[in-house]
Amino acid sequence: MLIVHFRLSVALLILGASVAGCASPGPTPLTHSIRQVAASDRQTVFDAAEVALVNHGFQIARADLASGLLTTLPVEGPPRAEEGRGGMRFSSRSRTRRVGEVRIEEAAQGYRVNCKVTIQEQITEAQRIFAEQRSAKDTGQTPIDRDAATTDEQNTVWQTVRRDQAAERQILETTLRILSQ
């Protein structure tokens, strides 16, 4: 009887550890730009963050006050140009887009506003074909596996390239400015 209880306890412990491992961590300074605000209610902070996102060219896709989450529709822009090594400029021929997210969480004194703006780059068909060839996935592909009978929009793949921390800081500063008015 003791062995049965022991085995059951071990099985529950393993199950609990595996479920706990699946939970995604909350926003951290490594994944989001974060500002502390001293506001009395969540609605005020939420509304200010929403206005800040719209002021920076985003369109709201989802606004959930209960969870404190604002997400935006992707905003396409020109191909990216960045400073490379030695100050040289290079650009990508692929289309890029930005996606914004703001999370509002209760903190010890007020609220914490977490902002993340990701820059995504469109993966070209040539890159996809090369990736498929490298994966050795050439056996038994049906037409649906090869993207037959789908639209170009459905076949478009976007890869996250980096965060736009300058835009994150601007959105947070705009949010703070709106709250101070």
Protein backbone atom coordinates (compact mmCIF):
# COMPACT_ATOMS: atom_id res chain seq x y z
CA MET A 1 0.00 0.00 0.00
CA LEU A 2 2.85 2.34 0.84
CA ILE A 3 4.46 1.71 -2.56
CA VAL A 4 1.20 2.60 -4.33
CA HIS A 5 0.96 5.92 -2.46
CA PHE A 6 4.62 6.64 -3.18
CA ARG A 7 4.18 5.96 -6.92
CA LEU A 8 1.03 8.08 -7.00
CA SER A 9 2.83 10.94 -5.24
CA VAL A 10 5.76 10.77 -7.66
CA ALA A 11 3.39 10.70 -10.66
CA LEU A 12 1.50 13.75 -9.35
CA LEU A 13 4.77 15.57 -8.69
CA ILE A 14 6.00 14.90 -12.23
CA LEU A 15 2.66 15.96 -13.69
CA GLY A 16 2.65 19.16 -11.63
CA ALA A 17 6.21 20.00 -12.67
CA SER A 18 5.43 19.47 -16.34
CA VAL A 19 2.32 21.65 -16.19
CA ALA A 20 4.17 24.38 -14.29
CA GLY A 21 6.90 24.33 -16.93
CA CYS A 22 4.36 25.16 -19.62
CA ALA A 23 3.31 28.44 -18.02
CA SER A 24 4.83 31.40 -19.82
CA PRO A 25 6.70 33.90 -17.67
CA GLY A 26 5.35 37.40 -17.34
CA PRO A 27 6.92 40.46 -18.91
CA THR A 28 10.48 41.18 -17.77
CA PRO A 29 12.92 44.02 -18.58
CA LEU A 30 14.53 41.63 -21.07
CA THR A 31 11.31 41.15 -23.03
CA HIS A 32 9.43 44.45 -22.51
CA SER A 33 10.03 48.11 -21.74
CA ILE A 34 8.46 48.74 -18.34
CA ARG A 35 7.26 51.88 -16.51
CA GLN A 36 5.69 52.27 -13.09
CA VAL A 37 2.70 54.63 -12.91
CA ALA A 38 0.95 55.99 -9.84
CA ALA A 39 -2.67 55.88 -10.95
CA SER A 40 -5.73 55.13 -8.91
CA ASP A 41 -7.59 52.88 -11.35
CA ARG A 42 -6.80 50.41 -14.13
CA GLN A 43 -9.31 51.93 -16.58
CA THR A 44 -7.44 55.27 -16.65
CA VAL A 45 -4.08 53.62 -17.35
CA PHE A 46 -5.66 51.31 -19.93
CA ASP A 47 -7.29 54.23 -21.80
CA ALA A 48 -4.03 56.24 -21.77
CA ALA A 49 -2.07 53.28 -23.18
CA GLU A 50 -4.68 52.75 -25.89
CA VAL A 51 -4.50 56.42 -26.95
CA ALA A 52 -0.68 56.24 -26.94
CA LEU A 53 -0.70 53.22 -29.26
CA VAL A 54 -3.13 54.92 -31.65
CA ASN A 55 -1.04 58.13 -31.58
CA HIS A 56 1.98 56.09 -32.68
CA GLY A 57 0.21 54.71 -35.76
CA PHE A 58 -1.16 51.45 -34.42
CA GLN A 59 -4.70 50.15 -34.76
CA ILE A 60 -6.04 48.18 -31.80
CA ALA A 61 -6.81 44.52 -32.56
CA ARG A 62 -7.74 43.44 -29.03
CA ALA A 63 -8.49 45.46 -25.93
CA ASP A 64 -9.18 43.35 -22.84
CA LEU A 65 -9.46 45.46 -19.69
CA ALA A 66 -9.98 42.43 -17.43
CA SER A 67 -6.59 40.96 -18.33
CA GLY A 68 -5.00 44.39 -18.93
CA LEU A 69 -3.93 43.47 -22.46
CA LEU A 70 -3.85 45.64 -25.57
CA THR A 71 -2.63 44.14 -28.85
CA THR A 72 -2.39 45.83 -32.23
CA LEU A 73 -2.85 44.87 -35.82
CA PRO A 74 0.41 44.62 -37.75
CA VAL A 75 1.53 47.90 -39.36
CA GLU A 76 3.54 47.36 -42.51
CA GLY A 77 6.41 49.62 -43.34
CA PRO A 78 9.19 49.98 -45.86
CA PRO A 79 12.06 47.49 -45.92
CA ARG A 80 14.24 48.04 -42.89
CA ALA A 81 17.48 49.96 -43.01
CA GLU A 82 19.89 49.76 -40.11
CA GLU A 83 23.39 50.70 -39.11
CA GLY A 84 25.74 47.81 -39.65
CA ARG A 85 29.30 47.42 -38.45
CA GLY A 86 31.49 50.43 -39.04
CA GLY A 87 28.46 52.70 -39.48
CA MET A 88 27.58 51.25 -42.89
CA ARG A 89 23.90 51.15 -43.80
CA PHE A 90 22.21 48.06 -45.19
CA SER A 91 18.62 47.32 -45.97
CA SER A 92 16.46 44.31 -46.34
CA ARG A 93 14.49 43.79 -49.52
CA SER A 94 11.77 41.98 -47.61
CA ARG A 95 8.67 43.72 -46.33
CA THR A 96 8.61 44.49 -42.64
CA ARG A 97 5.88 45.18 -40.13
CA ARG A 98 5.56 46.19 -36.48
CA VAL A 99 3.24 44.65 -33.91
CA GLY A 100 2.58 46.30 -30.54
CA GLU A 101 1.48 44.90 -27.20
CA VAL A 102 0.83 46.67 -23.89
CA ARG A 103 0.16 44.84 -20.63
CA ILE A 104 -1.06 46.62 -17.52
CA GLU A 105 -0.46 44.91 -14.18
CA GLU A 106 -1.19 45.93 -10.62
CA ALA A 107 1.93 46.86 -8.66
CA ALA A 108 2.68 47.78 -5.06
CA GLN A 109 2.02 51.47 -5.68
CA GLY A 110 -0.14 51.92 -8.74
CA TYR A 111 0.33 49.99 -11.95
CA ARG A 112 3.15 48.64 -14.09
CA VAL A 113 2.85 49.26 -17.84
CA ASN A 114 4.74 46.75 -20.01
CA CYS A 115 5.22 47.58 -23.68
CA LYS A 116 6.62 45.42 -26.46
CA VAL A 117 6.91 46.35 -30.14
CA THR A 118 8.30 43.64 -32.39
CA ILE A 119 9.62 44.10 -35.89
CA GLN A 120 8.81 41.22 -38.19
CA GLU A 121 10.23 40.54 -41.62
CA GLN A 122 8.50 38.62 -44.38
CA ILE A 123 10.22 35.40 -45.30
CA THR A 124 10.45 35.05 -49.05
CA GLU A 125 9.38 31.99 -51.02
CA ALA A 126 13.04 31.24 -51.82
CA GLN A 127 13.88 31.19 -48.11
CA ARG A 128 10.96 28.87 -47.41
CA ILE A 129 11.95 26.47 -50.19
CA PHE A 130 15.55 26.42 -48.96
CA ALA A 131 14.36 25.72 -45.40
CA GLU A 132 12.13 22.88 -46.61
CA GLN A 133 15.03 21.35 -48.54
CA ARG A 134 17.25 21.49 -45.45
CA SER A 135 14.61 19.82 -43.30
CA ALA A 136 14.54 16.71 -45.54
CA LYS A 137 10.76 16.79 -45.55
CA ASP A 138 10.47 15.61 -49.14
CA THR A 139 8.79 12.28 -48.51
CA GLY A 140 5.07 11.94 -48.90
CA GLN A 141 4.07 15.58 -49.26
CA THR A 142 0.53 16.00 -50.43
CA PRO A 143 -0.61 19.10 -52.37
CA ILE A 144 -2.05 20.57 -49.17
CA ASP A 145 1.36 20.11 -47.48
CA ARG A 146 2.93 22.11 -50.32
CA ASP A 147 0.49 25.01 -49.77
CA ALA A 148 -1.76 24.11 -52.70
CA ALA A 149 -5.21 25.70 -52.76
CA THR A 150 -4.23 28.50 -50.41
CA THR A 151 -3.88 32.23 -50.98
CA ASP A 152 -0.67 34.25 -51.00
CA GLU A 153 -1.78 35.91 -47.75
CA GLN A 154 -2.16 32.51 -46.07
CA ASN A 155 1.26 31.44 -47.28
CA THR A 156 3.02 34.60 -46.11
CA VAL A 157 5.34 33.87 -43.23
CA TRP A 158 6.57 36.58 -40.87
CA GLN A 159 9.65 36.11 -38.70
CA THR A 160 10.31 38.26 -35.64
CA VAL A 161 13.62 40.04 -36.22
CA ARG A 162 13.96 42.19 -33.12
CA ARG A 163 12.22 44.57 -30.74
CA ASP A 164 11.78 48.27 -31.49
CA GLN A 165 12.81 49.57 -28.08
CA ALA A 166 12.77 53.21 -29.22
CA ALA A 167 9.08 52.87 -30.16
CA GLU A 168 8.39 51.11 -26.84
CA ARG A 169 9.92 54.00 -24.89
CA GLN A 170 7.97 56.56 -26.96
CA ILE A 171 4.67 54.76 -26.34
CA LEU A 172 5.37 54.57 -22.60
CA GLU A 173 6.38 58.24 -22.44
CA THR A 174 3.20 59.22 -24.30
CA THR A 175 1.17 57.11 -21.85
CA LEU A 176 2.80 58.90 -18.89
CA ARG A 177 2.24 62.29 -20.50
CA ILE A 178 -1.47 61.52 -21.03
CA LEU A 179 -1.81 60.35 -17.42
CA SER A 180 -0.18 63.52 -16.08
CA GLN A 181 -2.67 65.81 -17.86
